[in-house]
Protein backbone atom coordinates (compact mmCIF):
# COMPACT_ATOMS: atom_id res chain seq x y z
CA UNK A 1 -15.29 -24.80 0.04
CA UNK A 2 -16.91 -24.32 -3.69
CA UNK A 3 -15.54 -21.98 -6.57
CA UNK A 4 -17.24 -19.34 -5.58
CA UNK A 5 -16.66 -19.72 -1.64
CA UNK A 6 -12.96 -19.28 -2.63
CA UNK A 7 -12.94 -16.40 -4.76
CA UNK A 8 -14.98 -14.60 -2.32
CA UNK A 9 -12.97 -15.34 0.66
CA UNK A 10 -9.49 -14.20 -1.78
CA UNK A 11 -11.19 -11.38 -2.83
CA UNK A 12 -12.00 -10.38 0.77
CA UNK A 13 -8.49 -10.83 1.29
CA UNK A 14 -7.19 -8.55 -0.60
CA UNK A 15 -9.14 -6.30 0.32
CA UNK A 16 -8.12 -6.58 4.26
CA UNK A 17 -4.67 -6.43 3.02
CA UNK A 18 -5.09 -3.40 1.04
CA UNK A 19 -6.40 -2.02 4.03
CA UNK A 20 -3.66 -2.40 6.13
CA UNK A 21 -1.09 -1.44 3.62
CA UNK A 22 -2.47 1.77 3.59
CA UNK A 23 -3.03 2.23 7.12
CA UNK A 24 0.52 1.43 7.48
CA UNK A 25 1.66 4.25 4.81
CA UNK A 26 -0.72 6.85 6.52
CA UNK A 27 0.54 6.02 9.76
CA UNK A 28 4.22 6.78 8.20
CA UNK A 29 3.45 10.08 6.87
CA UNK A 30 2.17 11.41 10.22
CA UNK A 31 4.53 10.22 11.90
CA UNK A 32 7.36 11.26 10.05
CA UNK A 33 5.86 15.02 10.18
CA UNK A 34 6.26 14.74 13.89
CA UNK A 35 10.08 13.38 13.57
CA UNK A 36 8.83 10.27 15.41
CA UNK A 37 10.24 6.42 14.43
CA UNK A 38 8.46 2.95 14.76
CA UNK A 39 11.17 0.50 12.98
CA UNK A 40 8.50 -2.15 11.94
CA UNK A 41 6.07 1.04 10.47
CA UNK A 42 9.44 2.30 8.83
CA UNK A 43 10.11 -1.18 7.47
CA UNK A 44 7.32 -2.37 6.63
CA UNK A 45 6.28 0.57 4.57
CA UNK A 46 10.04 0.96 3.01
CA UNK A 47 9.29 -2.10 1.26
CA UNK A 48 7.19 -0.63 -1.31
CA UNK A 49 8.40 3.26 -0.84
CA UNK A 50 11.98 2.70 -1.67
CA UNK A 51 11.70 1.66 -4.94
CA UNK A 52 9.30 4.53 -5.87
CA UNK A 53 11.98 7.22 -4.12
CA UNK A 54 14.22 5.91 -6.53
CA UNK A 55 12.19 6.79 -9.79
CA UNK A 56 10.93 10.12 -8.10
CA UNK A 57 13.13 11.71 -5.85
CA UNK A 58 11.81 14.40 -3.13
CA UNK A 59 11.26 16.94 -4.35
CA UNK A 60 13.85 20.06 -3.26
CA UNK A 61 14.70 17.35 -0.55
CA UNK A 62 11.37 17.90 1.05
CA UNK A 63 8.39 17.11 0.24
CA UNK A 64 8.27 12.84 -0.96
CA UNK A 65 5.58 12.06 -3.35
CA UNK A 66 6.33 8.58 -2.95
CA UNK A 67 3.77 7.50 -0.30
CA UNK A 68 0.94 8.90 -2.55
CA UNK A 69 2.34 6.72 -5.49
CA UNK A 70 2.35 4.08 -3.54
CA UNK A 71 -1.30 4.38 -2.41
CA UNK A 72 -2.06 4.86 -6.02
CA UNK A 73 -0.61 1.61 -6.77
CA UNK A 74 -1.24 -0.13 -3.64
CA UNK A 75 -5.36 0.91 -5.22
CA UNK A 76 -4.53 -0.29 -8.53
CA UNK A 77 -3.40 -4.03 -8.02
CA UNK A 78 -6.27 -4.35 -5.45
CA UNK A 79 -8.74 -3.30 -7.82
CA UNK A 80 -7.73 -5.26 -10.91
CA UNK A 81 -6.96 -8.35 -8.96
CA UNK A 82 -10.55 -7.93 -7.83
CA UNK A 83 -11.92 -7.37 -11.05
CA UNK A 84 -10.19 -10.15 -12.42
CA UNK A 85 -11.50 -13.00 -9.59
CA UNK A 86 -14.93 -10.87 -9.32
CA UNK A 87 -14.66 -12.08 -13.84
CA UNK A 88 -14.22 -15.34 -12.74
């Protein structure tokens, strides 16, 4: 494989990973609204949400903005990485 193919494959992998992580966050938010719990989804999403929840606690103990912050951070990191790889 050439360097261009490797770079394109890496960008594709980052885009797929971004979509999976955002999908997991979305599913977790919907499940939490209905009081459902899936340990796999919660365990994976907790990797991103717990550190954010330490910095930004729930407003009034009810409204948790950590999924929105996690979404923005995932998008930011993915876009910066793709931009960096695209300029190589």
